C-alpha cells in the first residue's frame, strides 16, 4: 500500500509541475508534450530499480532448503513404494 501512495503522490506532483510549466511557458510549447513521456520512462526506471534492489536483498533460508530436500527425498521414497519411477536422469 505504501508504494501505491508514493506512486500516486509522484503522479500528482508531476502533473502539477507539467501544468505549471504549461501555464508559465518556462519551456517551449514544442517540448511540453515530451514531459509525460519522460515521466513514464522515469517511472519504469524506478520500477526496475526497485525490482533489482529486491532481488539483491532476497533473503536466503538454508534451514528451509534442508527441510525441502528432506521432503523431496521422502516424496521420492513414497512414490517408489507405489511403483512410480521418479529417478533423475
Protein backbone atom coordinates (compact mmCIF):
# COMPACT_ATOMS: atom_id res chain seq x y z
CA UNK A 1 0.00 0.00 0.00
CA UNK A 2 2.88 2.35 0.74
CA UNK A 3 4.20 2.05 -2.81
CA UNK A 4 0.82 2.94 -4.28
CA UNK A 5 0.70 6.11 -2.19
CA UNK A 6 4.25 7.00 -3.27
CA UNK A 7 3.43 6.47 -6.93
CA UNK A 8 0.17 8.42 -6.75
CA UNK A 9 1.93 11.27 -4.96
CA UNK A 10 4.57 11.27 -7.67
CA UNK A 11 1.90 11.29 -10.39
CA UNK A 12 0.12 14.25 -8.80
CA UNK A 13 3.40 16.15 -8.33
CA UNK A 14 4.49 15.56 -11.93
CA UNK A 15 1.06 16.53 -13.24
CA UNK A 16 1.11 19.74 -11.19
CA UNK A 17 4.61 20.51 -12.42
CA UNK A 18 3.61 19.85 -16.02
CA UNK A 19 0.52 22.07 -15.78
CA UNK A 20 2.59 24.76 -14.06
CA UNK A 21 5.20 24.68 -16.80
CA UNK A 22 2.46 24.89 -19.43
CA UNK A 23 0.92 27.92 -17.71
CA UNK A 24 4.16 29.83 -17.14
CA UNK A 25 5.67 28.95 -20.54
CA UNK A 26 9.08 28.33 -18.95
CA UNK A 27 9.81 25.73 -21.58
CA UNK A 28 8.88 25.94 -25.25
CA UNK A 29 5.47 24.51 -26.06
CA UNK A 30 7.07 22.21 -28.60
CA UNK A 31 8.81 20.35 -25.74
CA UNK A 32 5.90 20.13 -23.29
CA UNK A 33 4.45 17.04 -24.96
CA UNK A 34 7.66 15.18 -24.03
CA UNK A 35 7.15 15.61 -20.27
CA UNK A 36 4.56 12.81 -19.89
CA UNK A 37 6.84 10.52 -21.91
CA UNK A 38 9.77 11.37 -19.63
CA UNK A 39 7.55 10.68 -16.66
CA UNK A 40 6.53 7.23 -17.92
CA UNK A 41 10.15 6.34 -18.70
CA UNK A 42 11.25 7.57 -15.26
CA UNK A 43 8.52 5.56 -13.57
CA UNK A 44 9.61 2.45 -15.49
CA UNK A 45 13.23 3.00 -14.44
CA UNK A 46 12.11 3.41 -10.83
CA UNK A 47 10.18 0.14 -11.05
CA UNK A 48 13.17 -1.71 -12.50
CA UNK A 49 15.39 -0.26 -9.78
CA UNK A 50 13.00 -1.46 -7.07
CA UNK A 51 12.90 -4.96 -8.60
CA UNK A 52 16.72 -5.01 -8.75
CA UNK A 53 17.06 -3.89 -5.14
CA UNK A 54 14.52 -6.51 -4.11
CA UNK A 55 16.46 -9.22 -5.90
CA UNK A 56 19.75 -8.13 -4.35
CA UNK A 57 18.22 -8.23 -0.87
CA UNK A 58 16.38 -11.51 -1.41
CA UNK A 59 16.65 -13.49 1.81
CA UNK A 60 18.12 -16.97 1.80
CA UNK A 61 16.85 -19.64 4.14
CA UNK A 62 19.35 -22.51 4.46
CA UNK A 63 17.27 -24.32 7.11
CA UNK A 64 14.20 -24.24 4.90
CA UNK A 65 16.25 -25.54 1.98
CA UNK A 66 17.34 -28.54 4.07
CA UNK A 67 13.75 -29.25 5.08
CA UNK A 68 12.69 -29.04 1.45
CA UNK A 69 15.40 -31.52 0.43
CA UNK A 70 14.20 -33.92 3.15
CA UNK A 71 10.63 -33.59 1.89
CA UNK A 72 11.77 -34.30 -1.67
CA UNK A 73 13.60 -37.45 -0.56
CA UNK A 74 10.56 -38.62 1.42
CA UNK A 75 8.27 -37.99 -1.56
CA UNK A 76 10.57 -39.93 -3.90
CA UNK A 77 10.67 -42.87 -1.47
CA UNK A 78 6.88 -42.83 -1.15
CA UNK A 79 6.40 -42.74 -4.90
CA UNK A 80 8.96 -45.54 -5.38
CA UNK A 81 6.96 -47.68 -2.92
CA UNK A 82 3.86 -47.03 -5.03
CA UNK A 83 5.69 -48.11 -8.18
CA UNK A 84 6.24 -44.69 -9.75
CA UNK A 85 9.66 -44.09 -11.31
CA UNK A 86 10.97 -40.68 -10.23
CA UNK A 87 14.67 -41.17 -10.91
CA UNK A 88 16.51 -38.05 -12.08
CA UNK A 89 18.09 -38.52 -15.48
